[in-house]
Amino acid sequence: MIFYNLIKLIIKFAIELFFDEVEVHRDEYIPKEGPLIIAANHPSSIMDALVVAVKTPRKIHYIGHSGLFSNSIKSRFLFAMGIIPVYRREDNPEKMEDNEDMFRAAYKILEDGKCIGIFPEGTSQTDRKILKLKTGTARIALGAEKQNDFNLDLSIIPLGLYFTARHRFRSKVLLNFGRPIPISEFKDSYEKDEYEGVHKLNDRISDELVKLTVNVKKSEYNDFVTDLEKIYKANLKVDLDEDEQLQSKSDIFKDMFLSQQLADAVTYYMEKNPDGVNALMKDVKNYILKIDRLNLHDSQLQRDLNKANVGRRSWKIIFWSIIGFPIWVTGLLTNYIPYKFAEYIGKKSGYDETKTSSALMIGGGIGFLFYYSLETLLVYTYFTAFIALSFLLTLPFIGFAALAYMKKLRYRWRMWNLSLTLLTNKNIVKKLQLERRSIIRRLDLFKEDYLKVINQAG
């Protein structure tokens, strides 16, 4: 347990640095003791397990695919962390009989009143959708209860994981816990027909996961939903702020909720009015391509524009560039090499985008630890230990300050570019604004119709 807590502390520190915010919603559903299974969607490979482990108050024994146990060193580490290997048919069909050991180990963990973590989709993917679930989660839960005459009082808590930007440093994550699913509710159907009982529970888990995160049902809709998020989410947030039930919710929860609604609405209209949606999809795509070519952002076209701002914005860019330049140079010298190393490691995992965030964090951890140690040793060689320690403690803050400076400078450059575009291509910008207003009007009509359908169904 000491080893587990030490590793958890290190991972927690790394996650706090890597993400800007990790929010947990409704963790009061997690019982402090007793057998429990947490079943989550799987959008970001290893990062999912790390985030859930450090943000859940209980020790989690994960069910992990056998490919993770590829050598003796990794196997010893994973077993020490309480991870149980499961053999998937697509990985090694000859090893499927070894899963009996996995079931026995899982039953023992639950009988001891501990917690198991499972990603029932079985694999990660880039599309934002809940895949068809493997039946292992339901089989473990019902099998454990059957072995104990349904006296375990076992529940499954569904968990929706939502990343605002899976591949970006300092993005945000939401852990959205759902209500516990008591396994005792499925006792009668399981005892009558085990196959039917397993699939009923499996369907229930799937339905709950769909409610807890963004689910774009068809892959071909994903790009369209992403485009709508770019140009219409701000409009929807205005309506959301007037909703009494959602006013108290956090920004990241509202962000996830709006993406859910957009995904559901696209699915609904693709079935009801495919021609109208396809025409809108084409116009939205063309509009976004046009603003991308001009290096503009949709939010810039939502306001009244004045080409006279180009002079004032030029002076602002010069002023802030001079003020922040020393911080940026210091941050560049002390953080650039490990930052680029982490970026390189992330790109090396590009064959599987679901692993990018964990590769970035691990690469960054190794790179920054080595480079910071080297820099601190160099300072210690020429100065005192106190100065070297002080220097080490300031390094992360200097790095974050340099990143904030670059982010602010990019924003000001975009605004200056807009003013310059207005000065040289005013008619093009005005046409884009008219095009945008036309798209928003059509989206508003779709929204009004969709809200009527929801209200009638409710």
Protein backbone atom coordinates (compact mmCIF):
# COMPACT_ATOMS: atom_id res chain seq x y z
CA MET A 1 0.00 0.00 0.00
CA ILE A 2 2.93 2.36 0.71
CA PHE A 3 4.29 1.77 -2.81
CA TYR A 4 0.83 2.38 -4.33
CA ASN A 5 0.35 5.63 -2.38
CA LEU A 6 3.83 6.86 -3.38
CA ILE A 7 3.19 6.20 -7.08
CA LYS A 8 -0.27 7.78 -6.78
CA LEU A 9 1.27 10.92 -5.23
CA ILE A 10 3.79 11.22 -8.09
CA ILE A 11 1.08 10.72 -10.73
CA LYS A 12 -1.18 13.24 -8.98
CA PHE A 13 1.58 15.85 -9.07
CA ALA A 14 2.17 15.17 -12.79
CA ILE A 15 -1.54 15.42 -13.61
CA GLU A 16 -1.94 18.68 -11.68
CA LEU A 17 0.88 20.13 -13.79
CA PHE A 18 -0.29 18.69 -17.10
CA PHE A 19 -3.97 19.69 -16.88
CA ASP A 20 -5.29 23.15 -16.16
CA GLU A 21 -8.24 21.66 -14.25
CA VAL A 22 -9.52 18.21 -13.33
CA GLU A 23 -13.06 18.45 -11.96
CA VAL A 24 -14.97 15.68 -10.22
CA HIS A 25 -18.76 15.84 -10.42
CA ARG A 26 -21.00 13.88 -8.00
CA ASP A 27 -18.25 11.89 -6.28
CA GLU A 28 -20.62 11.62 -3.30
CA TYR A 29 -22.03 8.57 -5.11
CA ILE A 30 -18.81 6.67 -4.29
CA PRO A 31 -19.25 4.70 -1.04
CA LYS A 32 -16.35 4.93 1.41
CA GLU A 33 -16.26 1.16 1.84
CA GLY A 34 -17.76 -2.04 0.50
CA PRO A 35 -17.45 -3.82 -2.88
CA LEU A 36 -17.65 -1.52 -5.88
CA ILE A 37 -17.04 -1.48 -9.63
CA ILE A 38 -16.37 1.80 -11.44
CA ALA A 39 -17.17 1.45 -15.17
CA ALA A 40 -15.93 4.33 -17.34
CA ASN A 41 -15.76 5.25 -21.01
CA HIS A 42 -12.28 5.13 -22.53
CA PRO A 43 -11.41 8.21 -24.64
CA SER A 44 -7.73 8.63 -23.79
CA SER A 45 -6.04 5.27 -23.19
CA ILE A 46 -3.69 5.13 -20.16
CA MET A 47 -4.49 8.72 -19.17
CA ASP A 48 -8.04 7.64 -18.27
CA ALA A 49 -6.80 5.17 -15.67
CA LEU A 50 -4.32 7.68 -14.21
CA VAL A 51 -6.87 10.49 -13.86
CA VAL A 52 -9.51 8.25 -12.28
CA ALA A 53 -6.97 6.69 -9.89
CA VAL A 54 -5.75 10.01 -8.47
CA LYS A 55 -9.19 11.64 -8.29
CA THR A 56 -11.04 8.72 -6.69
CA PRO A 57 -10.74 8.43 -2.89
CA ARG A 58 -10.50 4.62 -2.96
CA LYS A 59 -7.73 2.37 -4.24
CA ILE A 60 -8.74 1.01 -7.64
CA HIS A 61 -7.79 -2.44 -8.89
CA TYR A 62 -7.95 -2.10 -12.67
CA ILE A 63 -8.74 -4.81 -15.16
CA GLY A 64 -6.13 -4.21 -17.89
CA HIS A 65 -5.55 -5.95 -21.21
CA SER A 66 -2.72 -8.48 -21.26
CA GLY A 67 -0.68 -6.43 -23.75
CA LEU A 68 0.32 -4.14 -20.87
CA PHE A 69 2.14 -7.07 -19.23
CA SER A 70 4.63 -7.37 -22.09
CA ASN A 71 7.76 -7.95 -19.98
CA SER A 72 8.71 -9.01 -16.47
CA ILE A 73 9.54 -5.48 -15.22
CA LYS A 74 6.21 -4.03 -16.38
CA SER A 75 4.37 -7.08 -15.05
CA ARG A 76 5.86 -6.73 -11.56
CA PHE A 77 5.04 -3.03 -11.47
CA LEU A 78 1.44 -3.52 -12.67
CA PHE A 79 0.79 -6.38 -10.26
CA ALA A 80 2.17 -4.21 -7.43
CA MET A 81 -0.33 -1.52 -8.48
CA GLY A 82 -3.17 -4.05 -8.19
CA ILE A 83 -3.87 -4.43 -11.91
CA ILE A 84 -5.39 -7.71 -13.12
CA PRO A 85 -4.63 -8.89 -16.70
CA VAL A 86 -7.46 -9.85 -19.03
CA TYR A 87 -6.89 -11.63 -22.34
CA ARG A 88 -8.82 -10.29 -25.32
CA ARG A 89 -9.73 -12.56 -28.20
CA GLU A 90 -8.32 -10.08 -30.73
CA ASP A 91 -4.94 -10.05 -28.93
CA ASN A 92 -4.37 -13.74 -28.21
CA PRO A 93 -7.27 -16.19 -28.70
CA GLU A 94 -5.16 -19.07 -27.34
CA LYS A 95 -4.98 -17.38 -23.92
CA MET A 96 -8.73 -16.94 -23.42
CA GLU A 97 -8.89 -19.82 -20.92
CA ASP A 98 -6.53 -17.85 -18.64
CA ASN A 99 -9.37 -15.37 -18.04
CA GLU A 100 -10.77 -17.79 -15.47
CA ASP A 101 -7.91 -16.63 -13.23
CA MET A 102 -8.95 -13.04 -13.87
CA PHE A 103 -12.54 -13.76 -12.80
CA ARG A 104 -11.39 -15.52 -9.64
CA ALA A 105 -9.08 -12.62 -8.76
CA ALA A 106 -11.85 -10.08 -9.41
CA TYR A 107 -14.33 -12.02 -7.25
CA LYS A 108 -11.79 -12.11 -4.40
CA ILE A 109 -11.22 -8.33 -4.60
CA LEU A 110 -14.96 -7.65 -4.43
CA GLU A 111 -15.48 -10.17 -1.62
CA ASP A 112 -12.80 -8.29 0.34
CA GLY A 113 -14.88 -5.11 -0.02
CA LYS A 114 -12.50 -3.42 -2.45
CA CYS A 115 -12.97 -1.44 -5.66
CA ILE A 116 -12.42 -2.56 -9.27
CA GLY A 117 -12.04 -0.17 -12.21
CA ILE A 118 -13.02 -1.30 -15.72
CA PHE A 119 -13.27 0.34 -19.14
CA PRO A 120 -16.00 -1.89 -20.61
CA GLU A 121 -15.54 -0.62 -24.18
CA GLY A 122 -12.30 -2.61 -24.13
CA THR A 123 -10.35 -0.13 -26.25
CA SER A 124 -9.84 3.60 -26.79
CA GLN A 125 -10.78 5.48 -29.94
CA THR A 126 -10.57 9.03 -31.29
CA ASP A 127 -14.28 9.41 -32.11
CA ARG A 128 -16.48 10.73 -29.31
CA LYS A 129 -18.88 7.82 -28.99
CA ILE A 130 -19.63 4.95 -26.65
CA LEU A 131 -18.65 1.71 -28.36
CA LYS A 132 -20.55 -1.53 -27.93
CA LEU A 133 -19.56 -2.73 -24.47
CA LYS A 134 -17.80 -6.00 -23.77
CA THR A 135 -19.78 -8.19 -21.36
CA GLY A 136 -16.89 -8.69 -18.92
CA THR A 137 -18.03 -5.99 -16.47
CA ALA A 138 -21.53 -7.46 -16.17
CA ARG A 139 -20.19 -11.01 -15.95
CA ILE A 140 -17.79 -10.09 -13.14
CA ALA A 141 -20.50 -8.26 -11.18
CA LEU A 142 -23.18 -10.93 -11.53
CA GLY A 143 -20.69 -13.79 -11.12
CA ALA A 144 -19.37 -12.32 -7.86
CA GLU A 145 -22.90 -11.88 -6.51
CA LYS A 146 -23.91 -15.40 -7.56
CA GLN A 147 -20.86 -16.85 -5.81
CA ASN A 148 -22.00 -15.06 -2.63
CA ASP A 149 -25.75 -15.80 -2.91
CA PHE A 150 -26.39 -12.17 -3.93
CA ASN A 151 -25.39 -10.93 -0.46
CA LEU A 152 -22.39 -8.79 -1.51
CA ASP A 153 -24.46 -5.60 -1.89
CA LEU A 154 -22.35 -4.79 -4.96
CA SER A 155 -22.98 -1.75 -7.15
CA ILE A 156 -21.55 -0.47 -10.41
CA ILE A 157 -20.96 3.28 -10.65
CA PRO A 158 -20.85 4.54 -14.26
CA LEU A 159 -18.32 7.28 -14.98
CA GLY A 160 -18.24 9.62 -17.96
CA LEU A 161 -14.81 11.03 -18.81
CA TYR A 162 -14.78 14.27 -20.81
CA PHE A 163 -11.59 15.95 -22.08
CA THR A 164 -11.86 19.47 -23.53
CA ALA A 165 -8.77 18.77 -25.67
CA ARG A 166 -7.25 15.32 -25.31
CA HIS A 167 -3.94 16.20 -26.96
CA ARG A 168 -3.31 19.64 -25.48
CA PHE A 169 -1.17 20.64 -22.52
CA ARG A 170 -3.11 22.58 -19.82
CA SER A 171 -6.53 21.45 -21.06
CA LYS A 172 -9.40 20.40 -18.75
CA VAL A 173 -10.97 17.09 -17.69
CA LEU A 174 -14.36 16.27 -16.18
CA LEU A 175 -15.07 13.10 -14.20
CA ASN A 176 -18.87 12.84 -14.28
CA PHE A 177 -20.08 10.08 -11.93
CA GLY A 178 -23.55 8.61 -12.34
CA ARG A 179 -25.93 7.00 -9.86
CA PRO A 180 -24.95 3.53 -8.58
CA ILE A 181 -26.49 0.54 -10.35
CA PRO A 182 -27.38 -2.10 -7.69
CA ILE A 183 -26.56 -5.57 -9.03
CA SER A 184 -29.35 -7.06 -6.91
CA GLU A 185 -31.84 -5.53 -9.38
CA PHE A 186 -30.70 -8.09 -11.96
CA LYS A 187 -30.85 -11.14 -9.68
CA ASP A 188 -34.14 -12.54 -10.98
CA SER A 189 -33.32 -12.18 -14.68
CA TYR A 190 -29.81 -13.62 -14.15
CA GLU A 191 -31.06 -16.64 -12.19
CA LYS A 192 -33.70 -17.24 -14.84
CA ASP A 193 -31.28 -16.90 -17.77
CA GLU A 194 -27.62 -15.94 -17.22
CA TYR A 195 -27.18 -14.75 -20.81
CA GLU A 196 -30.24 -12.49 -20.58
CA GLY A 197 -29.21 -11.14 -17.16
CA VAL A 198 -25.69 -10.27 -18.34
CA HIS A 199 -26.96 -8.44 -21.41
CA LYS A 200 -29.62 -6.55 -19.47
CA LEU A 201 -26.97 -5.25 -17.07
CA ASN A 202 -24.59 -4.53 -19.94
CA ASP A 203 -27.26 -2.49 -21.74
CA ARG A 204 -27.97 -0.55 -18.54
CA ILE A 205 -24.28 0.34 -18.12
CA SER A 206 -24.12 1.47 -21.75
CA ASP A 207 -27.25 3.63 -21.40
CA GLU A 208 -25.84 5.32 -18.28
CA LEU A 209 -22.47 6.03 -19.92
CA VAL A 210 -24.24 7.67 -22.87
CA LYS A 211 -25.96 10.05 -20.43
CA LEU A 212 -22.69 10.98 -18.72
CA THR A 213 -20.52 12.06 -21.64
CA VAL A 214 -20.58 13.16 -25.28
CA ASN A 215 -21.81 10.45 -27.64
CA VAL A 216 -21.68 11.17 -31.38
CA LYS A 217 -23.46 8.05 -32.59
CA LYS A 218 -21.97 7.93 -36.09
CA SER A 219 -18.36 8.72 -36.96
CA GLU A 220 -19.36 10.71 -40.04
CA TYR A 221 -21.17 13.23 -37.79
CA ASN A 222 -18.12 13.94 -35.62
CA ASP A 223 -16.52 16.67 -37.75
CA PHE A 224 -19.87 18.45 -38.12
CA VAL A 225 -20.44 18.43 -34.35
CA THR A 226 -16.92 19.83 -33.87
CA ASP A 227 -17.64 22.61 -36.37
CA LEU A 228 -20.90 23.47 -34.61
CA GLU A 229 -19.04 23.68 -31.31
CA LYS A 230 -16.75 26.28 -32.86
CA ILE A 231 -19.45 28.59 -34.18
CA TYR A 232 -22.60 27.94 -32.11
CA LYS A 233 -21.57 26.96 -28.59
CA ALA A 234 -21.24 30.59 -27.48
CA ASN A 235 -24.85 31.23 -28.55
CA LEU A 236 -26.06 28.20 -26.62
CA LYS A 237 -24.14 29.25 -23.49
CA VAL A 238 -26.23 32.42 -23.32
CA ASP A 239 -29.41 30.31 -23.14
CA LEU A 240 -27.77 27.95 -20.66
CA ASP A 241 -26.95 30.77 -18.24
CA GLU A 242 -30.70 31.43 -17.96
CA ASP A 243 -31.45 27.80 -17.01
CA GLU A 244 -31.95 27.68 -13.23
CA GLN A 245 -30.98 24.00 -12.98
CA LEU A 246 -27.65 24.56 -14.73
CA GLN A 247 -26.69 28.01 -13.44
CA SER A 248 -24.77 26.56 -10.50
CA LYS A 249 -22.85 24.05 -12.64
CA SER A 250 -19.19 24.59 -13.51
CA ASP A 251 -18.01 25.85 -16.90
CA ILE A 252 -16.56 22.48 -17.91
CA PHE A 253 -19.81 20.69 -17.01
CA LYS A 254 -21.78 23.21 -19.09
CA ASP A 255 -19.30 22.73 -21.93
CA MET A 256 -19.82 18.96 -21.84
CA PHE A 257 -23.60 19.35 -21.58
CA LEU A 258 -23.75 21.61 -24.65
CA SER A 259 -21.62 19.18 -26.67
CA GLN A 260 -24.02 16.41 -25.62
CA GLN A 261 -27.00 18.43 -26.83
CA LEU A 262 -25.33 19.28 -30.15
CA ALA A 263 -24.44 15.62 -30.76
CA ASP A 264 -27.98 14.46 -29.93
CA ALA A 265 -29.54 17.17 -32.12
CA VAL A 266 -27.34 16.27 -35.10
CA THR A 267 -28.33 12.61 -34.75
CA TYR A 268 -32.02 13.55 -34.54
CA TYR A 269 -31.97 15.80 -37.62
CA MET A 270 -29.86 13.40 -39.67
CA GLU A 271 -32.77 10.98 -39.35
CA LYS A 272 -35.58 13.54 -39.67
CA ASN A 273 -34.20 15.99 -42.27
CA PRO A 274 -30.98 14.62 -43.82
CA ASP A 275 -31.10 16.90 -46.89
CA GLY A 276 -31.43 20.05 -44.79
CA VAL A 277 -28.65 19.00 -42.43
CA ASN A 278 -26.30 17.99 -45.25
CA ALA A 279 -26.81 21.39 -46.90
CA LEU A 280 -26.11 23.14 -43.58
CA MET A 281 -23.08 20.92 -42.99
CA LYS A 282 -21.63 21.92 -46.36
CA ASP A 283 -22.18 25.64 -45.71
CA VAL A 284 -20.65 25.45 -42.22
CA LYS A 285 -17.60 23.61 -43.55
CA ASN A 286 -17.10 26.16 -46.35
CA TYR A 287 -17.42 29.06 -43.89
CA ILE A 288 -14.81 27.58 -41.54
CA LEU A 289 -12.42 26.90 -44.44
CA LYS A 290 -12.71 30.56 -45.50
CA ILE A 291 -11.93 32.00 -42.06
CA ASP A 292 -9.07 29.53 -41.65
CA ARG A 293 -7.51 30.75 -44.91
CA LEU A 294 -7.64 34.32 -43.59
CA ASN A 295 -6.19 33.18 -40.24
CA LEU A 296 -9.30 34.47 -38.46
CA HIS A 297 -11.34 33.03 -35.61
CA ASP A 298 -15.12 32.74 -35.61
CA SER A 299 -15.44 34.70 -32.35
CA GLN A 300 -13.82 37.70 -34.06
CA LEU A 301 -16.68 37.91 -36.57
CA GLN A 302 -19.37 38.05 -33.88
CA ARG A 303 -18.67 41.69 -33.01
CA ASP A 304 -18.93 45.06 -34.76
CA LEU A 305 -15.62 45.59 -36.48
CA ASN A 306 -13.68 48.79 -36.94
CA LYS A 307 -10.67 48.97 -39.22
CA ALA A 308 -9.40 52.03 -37.31
CA ASN A 309 -8.42 49.65 -34.50
CA VAL A 310 -5.40 48.49 -36.49
CA GLY A 311 -3.22 51.36 -35.25
CA ARG A 312 -4.21 51.00 -31.60
CA ARG A 313 -3.75 47.24 -31.71
CA SER A 314 -0.32 47.65 -33.30
CA TRP A 315 0.81 49.76 -30.35
CA LYS A 316 -0.65 47.23 -27.89
CA ILE A 317 1.28 44.39 -29.53
CA ILE A 318 4.52 46.38 -29.40
CA PHE A 319 3.92 47.39 -25.76
CA TRP A 320 3.09 43.90 -24.46
CA SER A 321 5.85 42.32 -26.54
CA ILE A 322 8.42 44.57 -24.86
CA ILE A 323 6.99 44.15 -21.33
CA GLY A 324 6.80 40.35 -21.48
CA PHE A 325 9.94 39.72 -23.55
CA PRO A 326 12.35 39.16 -20.60
CA ILE A 327 9.98 36.59 -19.04
CA TRP A 328 9.55 34.84 -22.38
CA VAL A 329 13.31 34.65 -23.02
CA THR A 330 13.94 33.28 -19.51
CA GLY A 331 11.17 30.71 -19.92
CA LEU A 332 12.51 29.78 -23.35
CA LEU A 333 16.06 29.19 -22.10
CA THR A 334 15.00 27.16 -19.05
CA ASN A 335 12.04 25.19 -20.43
CA TYR A 336 12.22 24.98 -24.24
CA ILE A 337 14.31 21.81 -24.63
CA PRO A 338 12.22 19.57 -22.29
CA TYR A 339 9.02 21.09 -23.71
CA LYS A 340 10.07 20.15 -27.25
CA PHE A 341 11.17 16.72 -26.03
CA ALA A 342 7.67 16.10 -24.63
CA GLU A 343 6.19 17.31 -27.92
CA TYR A 344 8.47 14.91 -29.81
CA ILE A 345 7.38 11.96 -27.64
CA GLY A 346 3.74 12.95 -28.18
CA LYS A 347 4.21 13.00 -31.96
CA LYS A 348 5.91 9.61 -31.86
CA SER A 349 2.65 8.21 -30.49
CA GLY A 350 0.77 9.80 -33.41
CA TYR A 351 -0.16 6.39 -34.80
CA ASP A 352 -2.61 6.19 -31.89
CA GLU A 353 -4.05 9.59 -30.97
CA THR A 354 -5.70 8.20 -27.84
CA LYS A 355 -2.22 7.76 -26.32
CA THR A 356 -0.95 11.27 -27.14
CA SER A 357 -1.81 12.92 -23.81
CA SER A 358 -0.20 10.17 -21.71
CA ALA A 359 2.87 10.22 -23.99
CA LEU A 360 3.11 14.00 -23.59
CA MET A 361 2.86 13.76 -19.81
CA ILE A 362 5.38 10.92 -19.50
CA GLY A 363 7.78 12.53 -22.00
CA GLY A 364 7.43 15.86 -20.25
CA GLY A 365 8.00 14.27 -16.85
CA ILE A 366 11.23 12.63 -17.98
CA GLY A 367 12.43 15.64 -19.98
CA PHE A 368 11.72 18.29 -17.36
CA LEU A 369 13.08 16.19 -14.48
CA PHE A 370 16.38 15.61 -16.30
CA TYR A 371 16.74 19.17 -17.65
CA TYR A 372 15.74 20.89 -14.39
CA SER A 373 18.25 18.70 -12.52
CA LEU A 374 20.98 19.62 -14.99
CA GLU A 375 20.20 23.35 -14.78
CA THR A 376 20.06 23.28 -10.98
CA LEU A 377 23.37 21.42 -10.79
CA LEU A 378 24.93 24.03 -13.06
CA VAL A 379 23.68 26.88 -10.82
CA TYR A 380 24.88 25.03 -7.71
CA THR A 381 28.36 24.71 -9.25
CA TYR A 382 28.77 28.49 -9.40
CA PHE A 383 26.53 29.65 -6.53
CA THR A 384 25.22 28.47 -3.16
CA ALA A 385 22.82 25.61 -2.43
CA PHE A 386 20.15 28.12 -1.37
CA ILE A 387 20.35 29.97 -4.69
CA ALA A 388 20.26 26.67 -6.60
CA LEU A 389 17.17 25.51 -4.67
CA SER A 390 15.45 28.87 -5.19
CA PHE A 391 16.25 28.67 -8.90
CA LEU A 392 14.77 25.15 -9.11
CA LEU A 393 11.53 26.23 -7.41
CA THR A 394 11.05 29.14 -9.81
CA LEU A 395 11.55 27.10 -13.01
CA PRO A 396 7.95 25.79 -13.39
CA PHE A 397 6.47 29.24 -12.68
CA ILE A 398 8.75 30.85 -15.27
CA GLY A 399 7.65 28.22 -17.78
CA PHE A 400 3.95 28.81 -17.13
CA ALA A 401 4.47 32.59 -17.29
CA ALA A 402 6.18 32.23 -20.68
CA LEU A 403 3.30 30.07 -21.97
CA ALA A 404 0.74 32.61 -20.74
CA TYR A 405 2.71 35.39 -22.44
CA MET A 406 2.75 33.52 -25.76
CA LYS A 407 -0.97 32.75 -25.50
CA LYS A 408 -1.79 36.41 -24.88
CA LEU A 409 0.54 37.54 -27.65
CA ARG A 410 -1.06 35.13 -30.15
CA TYR A 411 -4.48 36.53 -29.24
CA ARG A 412 -3.29 40.10 -29.82
CA TRP A 413 -1.71 39.10 -33.13
CA ARG A 414 -5.02 37.57 -34.23
CA MET A 415 -6.85 40.78 -33.39
CA TRP A 416 -4.23 42.83 -35.22
CA ASN A 417 -4.52 40.48 -38.21
CA LEU A 418 -8.29 41.03 -38.18
CA SER A 419 -7.85 44.80 -38.19
CA LEU A 420 -5.34 44.55 -41.03
CA THR A 421 -7.70 42.28 -42.99
CA LEU A 422 -10.47 44.84 -42.49
CA LEU A 423 -8.17 47.55 -43.79
CA THR A 424 -7.20 45.62 -46.92
CA ASN A 425 -10.15 43.25 -47.51
CA LYS A 426 -13.13 44.87 -45.83
CA ASN A 427 -15.68 43.46 -48.30
CA ILE A 428 -14.48 39.88 -47.76
CA VAL A 429 -14.88 40.20 -43.99
CA LYS A 430 -18.34 41.75 -44.34
CA LYS A 431 -19.40 38.89 -46.63
CA LEU A 432 -18.14 36.39 -44.06
CA GLN A 433 -20.17 38.12 -41.36
CA LEU A 434 -23.30 37.94 -43.53
CA GLU A 435 -22.56 34.28 -44.24
CA ARG A 436 -22.18 33.63 -40.52
CA ARG A 437 -25.45 35.37 -39.65
CA SER A 438 -27.27 33.26 -42.24
CA ILE A 439 -25.86 30.06 -40.72
CA ILE A 440 -26.76 31.17 -37.18
CA ARG A 441 -30.35 31.97 -38.24
CA ARG A 442 -30.73 28.49 -39.70
CA LEU A 443 -29.24 26.93 -36.58
CA ASP A 444 -31.64 28.95 -34.41
CA LEU A 445 -34.59 27.53 -36.38
CA PHE A 446 -33.28 23.99 -35.93
CA LYS A 447 -32.79 24.67 -32.22
CA GLU A 448 -36.34 25.99 -31.70
CA ASP A 449 -37.81 22.96 -33.45
CA TYR A 450 -35.60 20.56 -31.47
CA LEU A 451 -36.51 22.16 -28.13
CA LYS A 452 -40.20 21.73 -28.94
CA VAL A 453 -39.60 18.02 -29.58
CA ILE A 454 -37.69 17.65 -26.29
CA ASN A 455 -40.36 19.50 -24.30
CA GLN A 456 -43.13 17.37 -25.81
CA ALA A 457 -41.19 14.19 -25.04
CA GLY A 458 -40.53 15.39 -21.48
